[in-house]
Amino acid sequence: MGSEYRPVARPGLEKSEMGDETLLYNCENDKVSMLNKTAAAVWELCDGKHTIEEIAAEITESLGPPEGRDVKSDVEAAIERFREDGILHE
């Protein structure tokens, strides 16, 4: 992922909330993705306007800086998982 990569969430996914979890259903591949609060916040920022760095900064600002975590690396890992799950528009 380059520094200018701006991920875009796949449109048309079915979304439901279950407690602190967000469930996304992709009918194209019949796959359900379960996102925790932080992953859901990352996914919501995948709007084609934010780079990975900007998403990491937004997450840090809204949820606070986590101790001993590299937020950018965590965002990159989440984006990669989103790609694997088919919940990003490629």
PDB file of N, CA and C in Angstrom:
ATOM      1  N   MET A   1       0.843  -1.176   0.000  1.00  0.00           N
ATOM      2  CA  MET A   1       0.000   0.000   0.000  1.00  0.00           C
ATOM      3  C   MET A   1       0.885   1.236   0.000  1.00  0.00           C
ATOM      4  N   GLY A   2       0.700   2.061  -0.987  1.00  0.00           N
ATOM      5  CA  GLY A   2       1.474   3.284  -1.074  1.00  0.00           C
ATOM      6  C   GLY A   2       0.958   4.346  -0.126  1.00  0.00           C
ATOM      7  N   SER A   3       1.747   5.390   0.041  1.00  0.00           N
ATOM      8  CA  SER A   3       1.382   6.452   0.984  1.00  0.00           C
ATOM      9  C   SER A   3       0.148   7.233   0.542  1.00  0.00           C
ATOM     10  N   GLU A   4      -0.204   7.158  -0.738  1.00  0.00           N
ATOM     11  CA  GLU A   4      -1.382   7.872  -1.236  1.00  0.00           C
ATOM     12  C   GLU A   4      -2.601   6.966  -1.410  1.00  0.00           C
ATOM     13  N   TYR A   5      -2.467   5.696  -1.037  1.00  0.00           N
ATOM     14  CA  TYR A   5      -3.577   4.754  -1.148  1.00  0.00           C
ATOM     15  C   TYR A   5      -4.734   5.220  -0.268  1.00  0.00           C
ATOM     16  N   ARG A   6      -5.911   5.278  -0.850  1.00  0.00           N
ATOM     17  CA  ARG A   6      -7.120   5.716  -0.146  1.00  0.00           C
ATOM     18  C   ARG A   6      -8.185   4.631  -0.307  1.00  0.00           C
ATOM     19  N   PRO A   7      -8.286   3.746   0.695  1.00  0.00           N
ATOM     20  CA  PRO A   7      -9.221   2.625   0.588  1.00  0.00           C
ATOM     21  C   PRO A   7     -10.675   3.088   0.545  1.00  0.00           C
ATOM     22  N   VAL A   8     -11.484   2.282  -0.156  1.00  0.00           N
ATOM     23  CA  VAL A   8     -12.902   2.590  -0.304  1.00  0.00           C
ATOM     24  C   VAL A   8     -13.710   1.365   0.134  1.00  0.00           C
ATOM     25  N   ALA A   9     -14.606   1.575   1.080  1.00  0.00           N
ATOM     26  CA  ALA A   9     -15.483   0.497   1.550  1.00  0.00           C
ATOM     27  C   ALA A   9     -16.407   0.066   0.421  1.00  0.00           C
ATOM     28  N   ARG A  10     -16.606  -1.245   0.310  1.00  0.00           N
ATOM     29  CA  ARG A  10     -17.498  -1.775  -0.724  1.00  0.00           C
ATOM     30  C   ARG A  10     -18.929  -1.321  -0.420  1.00  0.00           C
ATOM     31  N   PRO A  11     -19.592  -0.727  -1.393  1.00  0.00           N
ATOM     32  CA  PRO A  11     -20.987  -0.329  -1.184  1.00  0.00           C
ATOM     33  C   PRO A  11     -21.903  -1.553  -1.213  1.00  0.00           C
ATOM     34  N   GLY A  12     -23.055  -1.413  -0.607  1.00  0.00           N
ATOM     35  CA  GLY A  12     -24.085  -2.438  -0.686  1.00  0.00           C
ATOM     36  C   GLY A  12     -23.949  -3.581   0.308  1.00  0.00           C
ATOM     37  N   LEU A  13     -23.034  -3.465   1.272  1.00  0.00           N
ATOM     38  CA  LEU A  13     -22.913  -4.509   2.283  1.00  0.00           C
ATOM     39  C   LEU A  13     -24.037  -4.361   3.302  1.00  0.00           C
ATOM     40  N   GLU A  14     -24.518  -5.486   3.792  1.00  0.00           N
ATOM     41  CA  GLU A  14     -25.503  -5.442   4.868  1.00  0.00           C
ATOM     42  C   GLU A  14     -24.743  -5.265   6.168  1.00  0.00           C
ATOM     43  N   LYS A  15     -25.178  -4.295   6.959  1.00  0.00           N
ATOM     44  CA  LYS A  15     -24.487  -3.956   8.198  1.00  0.00           C
ATOM     45  C   LYS A  15     -25.448  -4.095   9.356  1.00  0.00           C
ATOM     46  N   SER A  16     -24.972  -4.728  10.430  1.00  0.00           N
ATOM     47  CA  SER A  16     -25.773  -4.792  11.650  1.00  0.00           C
ATOM     48  C   SER A  16     -24.853  -4.684  12.854  1.00  0.00           C
ATOM     49  N   GLU A  17     -25.404  -4.174  13.918  1.00  0.00           N
ATOM     50  CA  GLU A  17     -24.658  -3.989  15.160  1.00  0.00           C
ATOM     51  C   GLU A  17     -25.096  -5.056  16.160  1.00  0.00           C
ATOM     52  N   MET A  18     -24.123  -5.643  16.829  1.00  0.00           N
ATOM     53  CA  MET A  18     -24.396  -6.620  17.883  1.00  0.00           C
ATOM     54  C   MET A  18     -23.504  -6.268  19.058  1.00  0.00           C
ATOM     55  N   GLY A  19     -24.047  -5.502  20.001  1.00  0.00           N
ATOM     56  CA  GLY A  19     -23.236  -5.040  21.121  1.00  0.00           C
ATOM     57  C   GLY A  19     -22.147  -4.117  20.615  1.00  0.00           C
ATOM     58  N   ASP A  20     -20.895  -4.447  20.944  1.00  0.00           N
ATOM     59  CA  ASP A  20     -19.758  -3.643  20.502  1.00  0.00           C
ATOM     60  C   ASP A  20     -19.210  -4.101  19.156  1.00  0.00           C
ATOM     61  N   GLU A  21     -19.843  -5.081  18.548  1.00  0.00           N
ATOM     62  CA  GLU A  21     -19.372  -5.641  17.281  1.00  0.00           C
ATOM     63  C   GLU A  21     -20.218  -5.122  16.124  1.00  0.00           C
ATOM     64  N   THR A  22     -19.589  -4.985  14.975  1.00  0.00           N
ATOM     65  CA  THR A  22     -20.279  -4.642  13.737  1.00  0.00           C
ATOM     66  C   THR A  22     -20.139  -5.827  12.800  1.00  0.00           C
ATOM     67  N   LEU A  23     -21.247  -6.281  12.266  1.00  0.00           N
ATOM     68  CA  LEU A  23     -21.243  -7.386  11.316  1.00  0.00           C
ATOM     69  C   LEU A  23     -21.516  -6.833   9.927  1.00  0.00           C
ATOM     70  N   LEU A  24     -20.691  -7.240   8.977  1.00  0.00           N
ATOM     71  CA  LEU A  24     -20.863  -6.839   7.583  1.00  0.00           C
ATOM     72  C   LEU A  24     -21.046  -8.098   6.759  1.00  0.00           C
ATOM     73  N   TYR A  25     -22.106  -8.124   5.970  1.00  0.00           N
ATOM     74  CA  TYR A  25     -22.366  -9.276   5.120  1.00  0.00           C
ATOM     75  C   TYR A  25     -22.192  -8.877   3.665  1.00  0.00           C
ATOM     76  N   ASN A  26     -21.323  -9.614   2.972  1.00  0.00           N
ATOM     77  CA  ASN A  26     -21.068  -9.393   1.557  1.00  0.00           C
ATOM     78  C   ASN A  26     -21.770 -10.514   0.799  1.00  0.00           C
ATOM     79  N   CYS A  27     -22.880 -10.206   0.147  1.00  0.00           N
ATOM     80  CA  CYS A  27     -23.644 -11.234  -0.561  1.00  0.00           C
ATOM     81  C   CYS A  27     -22.913 -11.738  -1.803  1.00  0.00           C
ATOM     82  N   GLU A  28     -21.951 -10.977  -2.316  1.00  0.00           N
ATOM     83  CA  GLU A  28     -21.205 -11.411  -3.500  1.00  0.00           C
ATOM     84  C   GLU A  28     -20.326 -12.624  -3.218  1.00  0.00           C
ATOM     85  N   ASN A  29     -19.743 -12.681  -2.017  1.00  0.00           N
ATOM     86  CA  ASN A  29     -18.918 -13.837  -1.675  1.00  0.00           C
ATOM     87  C   ASN A  29     -19.486 -14.637  -0.500  1.00  0.00           C
ATOM     88  N   ASP A  30     -20.700 -14.262  -0.064  1.00  0.00           N
ATOM     89  CA  ASP A  30     -21.402 -14.935   1.031  1.00  0.00           C
ATOM     90  C   ASP A  30     -20.542 -15.008   2.287  1.00  0.00           C
ATOM     91  N   LYS A  31     -19.868 -13.900   2.597  1.00  0.00           N
ATOM     92  CA  LYS A  31     -18.966 -13.857   3.736  1.00  0.00           C
ATOM     93  C   LYS A  31     -19.422 -12.807   4.733  1.00  0.00           C
ATOM     94  N   VAL A  32     -19.313 -13.162   6.014  1.00  0.00           N
ATOM     95  CA  VAL A  32     -19.621 -12.233   7.096  1.00  0.00           C
ATOM     96  C   VAL A  32     -18.315 -11.816   7.740  1.00  0.00           C
ATOM     97  N   SER A  33     -18.141 -10.525   7.929  1.00  0.00           N
ATOM     98  CA  SER A  33     -16.969  -9.987   8.616  1.00  0.00           C
ATOM     99  C   SER A  33     -17.435  -9.396   9.936  1.00  0.00           C
ATOM    100  N   MET A  34     -16.774  -9.787  11.022  1.00  0.00           N
ATOM    101  CA  MET A  34     -17.105  -9.263  12.335  1.00  0.00           C
ATOM    102  C   MET A  34     -16.007  -8.286  12.738  1.00  0.00           C
ATOM    103  N   LEU A  35     -16.394  -7.045  12.995  1.00  0.00           N
ATOM    104  CA  LEU A  35     -15.433  -5.994  13.321  1.00  0.00           C
ATOM    105  C   LEU A  35     -15.638  -5.517  14.753  1.00  0.00           C
ATOM    106  N   ASN A  36     -14.534  -5.389  15.478  1.00  0.00           N
ATOM    107  CA  ASN A  36     -14.643  -4.783  16.805  1.00  0.00           C
ATOM    108  C   ASN A  36     -14.794  -3.276  16.636  1.00  0.00           C
ATOM    109  N   LYS A  37     -14.898  -2.571  17.722  1.00  0.00           N
ATOM    110  CA  LYS A  37     -15.155  -1.126  17.678  1.00  0.00           C
ATOM    111  C   LYS A  37     -14.086  -0.379  16.874  1.00  0.00           C
ATOM    112  N   THR A  38     -12.823  -0.717  17.088  1.00  0.00           N
ATOM    113  CA  THR A  38     -11.741  -0.028  16.385  1.00  0.00           C
ATOM    114  C   THR A  38     -11.742  -0.367  14.904  1.00  0.00           C
ATOM    115  N   ALA A  39     -11.894  -1.645  14.562  1.00  0.00           N
ATOM    116  CA  ALA A  39     -11.924  -2.050  13.152  1.00  0.00           C
ATOM    117  C   ALA A  39     -13.112  -1.410  12.438  1.00  0.00           C
ATOM    118  N   ALA A  40     -14.245  -1.318  13.114  1.00  0.00           N
ATOM    119  CA  ALA A  40     -15.420  -0.677  12.515  1.00  0.00           C
ATOM    120  C   ALA A  40     -15.144   0.803  12.249  1.00  0.00           C
ATOM    121  N   ALA A  41     -14.437   1.462  13.174  1.00  0.00           N
ATOM    122  CA  ALA A  41     -14.085   2.871  12.972  1.00  0.00           C
ATOM    123  C   ALA A  41     -13.150   3.019  11.772  1.00  0.00           C
ATOM    124  N   VAL A  42     -12.201   2.094  11.622  1.00  0.00           N
ATOM    125  CA  VAL A  42     -11.304   2.117  10.460  1.00  0.00           C
ATOM    126  C   VAL A  42     -12.127   1.930   9.193  1.00  0.00           C
ATOM    127  N   TRP A  43     -13.013   0.942   9.182  1.00  0.00           N
ATOM    128  CA  TRP A  43     -13.818   0.663   7.994  1.00  0.00           C
ATOM    129  C   TRP A  43     -14.672   1.876   7.599  1.00  0.00           C
ATOM    130  N   GLU A  44     -15.233   2.555   8.581  1.00  0.00           N
ATOM    131  CA  GLU A  44     -16.052   3.750   8.301  1.00  0.00           C
ATOM    132  C   GLU A  44     -15.223   4.853   7.646  1.00  0.00           C
ATOM    133  N   LEU A  45     -13.928   4.892   7.944  1.00  0.00           N
ATOM    134  CA  LEU A  45     -13.052   5.914   7.364  1.00  0.00           C
ATOM    135  C   LEU A  45     -12.532   5.523   5.982  1.00  0.00           C
ATOM    136  N   CYS A  46     -12.874   4.350   5.521  1.00  0.00           N
ATOM    137  CA  CYS A  46     -12.483   3.909   4.181  1.00  0.00           C
ATOM    138  C   CYS A  46     -13.481   4.480   3.175  1.00  0.00           C
ATOM    139  N   ASP A  47     -13.348   5.774   2.943  1.00  0.00           N
ATOM    140  CA  ASP A  47     -14.299   6.497   2.101  1.00  0.00           C
ATOM    141  C   ASP A  47     -13.671   7.041   0.822  1.00  0.00           C
ATOM    142  N   GLY A  48     -12.421   6.644   0.563  1.00  0.00           N
ATOM    143  CA  GLY A  48     -11.720   7.126  -0.619  1.00  0.00           C
ATOM    144  C   GLY A  48     -11.118   8.512  -0.442  1.00  0.00           C
ATOM    145  N   LYS A  49     -11.331   9.110   0.706  1.00  0.00           N
ATOM    146  CA  LYS A  49     -10.804  10.447   0.982  1.00  0.00           C
ATOM    147  C   LYS A  49      -9.599  10.406   1.913  1.00  0.00           C
ATOM    148  N   HIS A  50      -9.504   9.351   2.728  1.00  0.00           N
ATOM    149  CA  HIS A  50      -8.460   9.263   3.746  1.00  0.00           C
ATOM    150  C   HIS A  50      -7.361   8.282   3.349  1.00  0.00           C
ATOM    151  N   THR A  51      -6.107   8.698   3.544  1.00  0.00           N
ATOM    152  CA  THR A  51      -4.979   7.792   3.372  1.00  0.00           C
ATOM    153  C   THR A  51      -4.851   6.951   4.646  1.00  0.00           C
ATOM    154  N   ILE A  52      -3.978   5.953   4.606  1.00  0.00           N
ATOM    155  CA  ILE A  52      -3.729   5.122   5.786  1.00  0.00           C
ATOM    156  C   ILE A  52      -3.248   5.992   6.948  1.00  0.00           C
ATOM    157  N   GLU A  53      -2.341   6.922   6.663  1.00  0.00           N
ATOM    158  CA  GLU A  53      -1.824   7.830   7.703  1.00  0.00           C
ATOM    159  C   GLU A  53      -2.950   8.657   8.313  1.00  0.00           C
ATOM    160  N   GLU A  54      -3.840   9.160   7.472  1.00  0.00           N
ATOM    161  CA  GLU A  54      -4.953   9.980   7.964  1.00  0.00           C
ATOM    162  C   GLU A  54      -5.927   9.139   8.788  1.00  0.00           C
ATOM    163  N   ILE A  55      -6.171   7.902   8.358  1.00  0.00           N
ATOM    164  CA  ILE A  55      -7.051   7.018   9.121  1.00  0.00           C
ATOM    165  C   ILE A  55      -6.429   6.747  10.486  1.00  0.00           C
ATOM    166  N   ALA A  56      -5.130   6.455  10.523  1.00  0.00           N
ATOM    167  CA  ALA A  56      -4.442   6.199  11.791  1.00  0.00           C
ATOM    168  C   ALA A  56      -4.534   7.420  12.713  1.00  0.00           C
ATOM    169  N   ALA A  57      -4.369   8.614  12.149  1.00  0.00           N
ATOM    170  CA  ALA A  57      -4.451   9.844  12.951  1.00  0.00           C
ATOM    171  C   ALA A  57      -5.861  10.034  13.506  1.00  0.00           C
ATOM    172  N   GLU A  58      -6.879   9.778  12.676  1.00  0.00           N
ATOM    173  CA  GLU A  58      -8.276   9.898  13.133  1.00  0.00           C
ATOM    174  C   GLU A  58      -8.576   8.903  14.261  1.00  0.00           C
ATOM    175  N   ILE A  59      -8.113   7.670  14.101  1.00  0.00           N
ATOM    176  CA  ILE A  59      -8.338   6.642  15.123  1.00  0.00           C
ATOM    177  C   ILE A  59      -7.660   7.041  16.423  1.00  0.00           C
ATOM    178  N   THR A  60      -6.423   7.506  16.333  1.00  0.00           N
ATOM    179  CA  THR A  60      -5.692   7.935  17.527  1.00  0.00           C
ATOM    180  C   THR A  60      -6.407   9.085  18.214  1.00  0.00           C
ATOM    181  N   GLU A  61      -6.903  10.035  17.417  1.00  0.00           N
ATOM    182  CA  GLU A  61      -7.602  11.201  17.982  1.00  0.00           C
ATOM    183  C   GLU A  61      -8.924  10.799  18.634  1.00  0.00           C
ATOM    184  N   SER A  62      -9.681   9.930  17.978  1.00  0.00           N
ATOM    185  CA  SER A  62     -11.011   9.599  18.503  1.00  0.00           C
ATOM    186  C   SER A  62     -10.974   8.575  19.624  1.00  0.00           C
ATOM    187  N   LEU A  63     -10.040   7.633  19.579  1.00  0.00           N
ATOM    188  CA  LEU A  63     -10.004   6.575  20.591  1.00  0.00           C
ATOM    189  C   LEU A  63      -8.859   6.731  21.584  1.00  0.00           C
ATOM    190  N   GLY A  64      -7.985   7.704  21.346  1.00  0.00           N
ATOM    191  CA  GLY A  64      -6.845   7.904  22.229  1.00  0.00           C
ATOM    192  C   GLY A  64      -5.673   7.041  21.798  1.00  0.00           C
ATOM    193  N   PRO A  65      -4.478   7.485  22.134  1.00  0.00           N
ATOM    194  CA  PRO A  65      -3.296   6.722  21.741  1.00  0.00           C
ATOM    195  C   PRO A  65      -3.170   5.448  22.583  1.00  0.00           C
ATOM    196  N   PRO A  66      -3.129   4.296  21.938  1.00  0.00           N
ATOM    197  CA  PRO A  66      -3.004   3.054  22.692  1.00  0.00           C
ATOM    198  C   PRO A  66      -1.571   2.844  23.169  1.00  0.00           C
ATOM    199  N   GLU A  67      -1.439   2.288  24.359  1.00  0.00           N
ATOM    200  CA  GLU A  67      -0.104   2.036  24.900  1.00  0.00           C
ATOM    201  C   GLU A  67       0.567   0.902  24.144  1.00  0.00           C
ATOM    202  N   GLY A  68       1.794   1.147  23.711  1.00  0.00           N
ATOM    203  CA  GLY A  68       2.596   0.113  23.096  1.00  0.00           C
ATOM    204  C   GLY A  68       2.096  -0.397  21.751  1.00  0.00           C
ATOM    205  N   ARG A  69       1.239   0.353  21.075  1.00  0.00           N
ATOM    206  CA  ARG A  69       0.700  -0.079  19.778  1.00  0.00           C
ATOM    207  C   ARG A  69       1.131   0.902  18.705  1.00  0.00           C
ATOM    208  N   ASP A  70       1.383   0.384  17.521  1.00  0.00           N
ATOM    209  CA  ASP A  70       1.663   1.204  16.346  1.00  0.00           C
ATOM    210  C   ASP A  70       0.358   1.274  15.559  1.00  0.00           C
ATOM    211  N   VAL A  71      -0.355   2.374  15.705  1.00  0.00           N
ATOM    212  CA  VAL A  71      -1.680   2.508  15.113  1.00  0.00           C
ATOM    213  C   VAL A  71      -1.624   2.364  13.598  1.00  0.00           C
ATOM    214  N   LYS A  72      -0.625   2.935  12.954  1.00  0.00           N
ATOM    215  CA  LYS A  72      -0.534   2.830  11.499  1.00  0.00           C
ATOM    216  C   LYS A  72      -0.414   1.365  11.077  1.00  0.00           C
ATOM    217  N   SER A  73       0.418   0.593  11.759  1.00  0.00           N
ATOM    218  CA  SER A  73       0.555  -0.830  11.434  1.00  0.00           C
ATOM    219  C   SER A  73      -0.751  -1.574  11.672  1.00  0.00           C
ATOM    220  N   ASP A  74      -1.445  -1.217  12.747  1.00  0.00           N
ATOM    221  CA  ASP A  74      -2.740  -1.845  13.026  1.00  0.00           C
ATOM    222  C   ASP A  74      -3.753  -1.510  11.933  1.00  0.00           C
ATOM    223  N   VAL A  75      -3.756  -0.269  11.462  1.00  0.00           N
ATOM    224  CA  VAL A  75      -4.668   0.137  10.386  1.00  0.00           C
ATOM    225  C   VAL A  75      -4.319  -0.615   9.107  1.00  0.00           C
ATOM    226  N   GLU A  76      -3.041  -0.717   8.797  1.00  0.00           N
ATOM    227  CA  GLU A  76      -2.620  -1.466   7.602  1.00  0.00           C
ATOM    228  C   GLU A  76      -3.074  -2.919   7.680  1.00  0.00           C
ATOM    229  N   ALA A  77      -2.946  -3.532   8.860  1.00  0.00           N
ATOM    230  CA  ALA A  77      -3.380  -4.929   9.040  1.00  0.00           C
ATOM    231  C   ALA A  77      -4.890  -5.044   8.865  1.00  0.00           C
ATOM    232  N   ALA A  78      -5.626  -4.074   9.396  1.00  0.00           N
ATOM    233  CA  ALA A  78      -7.089  -4.091   9.243  1.00  0.00           C
ATOM    234  C   ALA A  78      -7.481  -3.946   7.777  1.00  0.00           C
ATOM    235  N   ILE A  79      -6.818  -3.044   7.067  1.00  0.00           N
ATOM    236  CA  ILE A  79      -7.112  -2.833   5.642  1.00  0.00           C
ATOM    237  C   ILE A  79      -6.837  -4.119   4.862  1.00  0.00           C
ATOM    238  N   GLU A  80      -5.733  -4.776   5.170  1.00  0.00           N
ATOM    239  CA  GLU A  80      -5.408  -6.030   4.487  1.00  0.00           C
ATOM    240  C   GLU A  80      -6.487  -7.089   4.757  1.00  0.00           C
ATOM    241  N   ARG A  81      -6.955  -7.154   5.992  1.00  0.00           N
ATOM    242  CA  ARG A  81      -8.033  -8.091   6.316  1.00  0.00           C
ATOM    243  C   ARG A  81      -9.305  -7.729   5.563  1.00  0.00           C
ATOM    244  N   PHE A  82      -9.613  -6.442   5.482  1.00  0.00           N
ATOM    245  CA  PHE A  82     -10.791  -6.000   4.725  1.00  0.00           C
ATOM    246  C   PHE A  82     -10.691  -6.440   3.262  1.00  0.00           C
ATOM    247  N   ARG A  83      -9.495  -6.322   2.701  1.00  0.00           N
ATOM    248  CA  ARG A  83      -9.289  -6.751   1.312  1.00  0.00           C
ATOM    249  C   ARG A  83      -9.549  -8.244   1.180  1.00  0.00           C
ATOM    250  N   GLU A  84      -8.992  -9.023   2.098  1.00  0.00           N
ATOM    251  CA  GLU A  84      -9.167 -10.483   2.074  1.00  0.00           C
ATOM    252  C   GLU A  84     -10.631 -10.863   2.223  1.00  0.00           C
ATOM    253  N   ASP A  85     -11.357 -10.117   3.049  1.00  0.00           N
ATOM    254  CA  ASP A  85     -12.775 -10.406   3.291  1.00  0.00           C
ATOM    255  C   ASP A  85     -13.683  -9.883   2.171  1.00  0.00           C
ATOM    256  N   GLY A  86     -13.120  -9.090   1.265  1.00  0.00           N
ATOM    257  CA  GLY A  86     -13.911  -8.557   0.164  1.00  0.00           C
ATOM    258  C   GLY A  86     -14.838  -7.419   0.547  1.00  0.00           C
ATOM    259  N   ILE A  87     -14.472  -6.670   1.610  1.00  0.00           N
ATOM    260  CA  ILE A  87     -15.347  -5.581   2.037  1.00  0.00           C
ATOM    261  C   ILE A  87     -14.784  -4.203   1.629  1.00  0.00           C
ATOM    262  N   LEU A  88     -13.748  -4.230   0.781  1.00  0.00           N
ATOM    263  CA  LEU A  88     -13.245  -2.997   0.183  1.00  0.00           C
ATOM    264  C   LEU A  88     -13.525  -3.044  -1.303  1.00  0.00           C
ATOM    265  N   HIS A  89     -13.783  -1.889  -1.872  1.00  0.00           N
ATOM    266  CA  HIS A  89     -13.981  -1.756  -3.305  1.00  0.00           C
ATOM    267  C   HIS A  89     -12.610  -1.650  -3.955  1.00  0.00           C
ATOM    268  N   GLU A  90     -12.260  -2.603  -4.788  1.00  0.00           N
ATOM    269  CA  GLU A  90     -10.923  -2.610  -5.408  1.00  0.00           C
ATOM    270  C   GLU A  90     -11.019  -2.211  -6.853  1.00  0.00           C
TER     271      GLU A  90
END
